Each structure stands twice: as C-alpha cells, then as structure tokens.
Amino acid sequence: MKVYVDKDTCIGCGVCEGICPDVFRMNDDGKAEAIVPETEAACAQDAADSCPVQSIKVE
C-alpha cells in the first residue's frame, strides 16, 4: 500500500512514529513524513487511524 503524509495538515504530534517507526519519522520541520513510499506494514494503517488530524493517507 502507498503511504502519504499531508504536511499542510500535520501537527507534528508524533503518534505515527510511535506506532509505526519503520514507516514514519519526524523531519527537521517537526512534521511527520513517510520514510518508505510503499509498505505492507499493518502498523501504517493503525498510524493513519490514530492521527488526530487525519494527515496520513494509506491507499
């Protein structure tokens, strides 16, 4: 599945990195980013579901 973080809506809470550190990290701007554009990691969907501002898209 493809993973994308909308940096315009991301608030940098870090929940995604805490749930799925193999897929997400916080960048130098304090925003989340997907470090792999495609993954089969189930935690990516868990991170998207847990994002308080729905910045993570999983297709």
Protein backbone atom coordinates (compact mmCIF):
# COMPACT_ATOMS: atom_id res chain seq x y z
CA MET A 1 0.00 0.00 0.00
CA LYS A 2 1.10 3.58 -0.63
CA VAL A 3 1.62 5.88 2.34
CA TYR A 4 1.48 9.68 2.27
CA VAL A 5 1.59 12.41 4.94
CA ASP A 6 -0.07 15.76 4.19
CA LYS A 7 2.46 18.17 5.68
CA ASP A 8 0.00 21.07 5.45
CA THR A 9 -2.33 19.46 7.98
CA CYS A 10 0.23 17.55 10.08
CA ILE A 11 0.57 18.99 13.59
CA GLY A 12 3.70 17.01 14.45
CA CYS A 13 2.25 15.10 17.39
CA GLY A 14 4.45 12.05 16.73
CA VAL A 15 1.75 9.41 17.18
CA CYS A 16 2.51 7.85 13.79
CA GLU A 17 6.21 7.48 14.55
CA GLY A 18 5.38 5.96 17.92
CA ILE A 19 3.02 3.42 16.36
CA CYS A 20 4.99 2.63 13.20
CA PRO A 21 8.63 3.81 13.36
CA ASP A 22 9.66 1.68 10.38
CA VAL A 23 7.36 3.74 8.14
CA PHE A 24 7.16 7.22 9.74
CA ARG A 25 9.58 9.68 11.29
CA MET A 26 9.54 13.31 12.32
CA ASN A 27 11.54 15.54 9.97
CA ASP A 28 13.61 18.65 10.76
CA ASP A 29 10.50 20.82 10.41
CA GLY A 30 8.76 18.88 13.18
CA LYS A 31 6.33 17.27 10.74
CA ALA A 32 5.79 13.58 10.06
CA GLU A 33 7.00 12.01 6.86
CA ALA A 34 6.76 8.57 5.35
CA ILE A 35 10.27 7.14 5.08
CA VAL A 36 9.05 4.40 2.74
CA PRO A 37 6.55 5.31 0.00
CA GLU A 38 5.08 1.80 -0.13
CA THR A 39 4.78 -0.77 2.62
CA GLU A 40 2.87 -3.83 3.69
CA ALA A 41 3.26 -2.96 7.38
CA ALA A 42 -0.12 -3.20 9.11
CA CYS A 43 1.00 -0.53 11.56
CA ALA A 44 0.81 2.07 8.75
CA GLN A 45 -2.97 1.81 8.73
CA ASP A 46 -3.02 1.87 12.55
CA ALA A 47 -1.00 5.09 12.44
CA ALA A 48 -3.38 6.62 9.90
CA ASP A 49 -6.37 5.66 12.03
CA SER A 50 -4.71 7.20 15.10
CA CYS A 51 -3.69 10.51 13.50
CA PRO A 52 -5.67 13.22 15.33
CA VAL A 53 -5.91 15.40 12.21
CA GLN A 54 -6.14 12.64 9.55
CA SER A 55 -2.93 13.76 7.81
CA ILE A 56 -1.92 10.22 6.87
CA LYS A 57 -3.32 8.66 3.73
CA VAL A 58 -2.97 4.96 3.01
CA GLU A 59 -4.04 3.59 -0.37
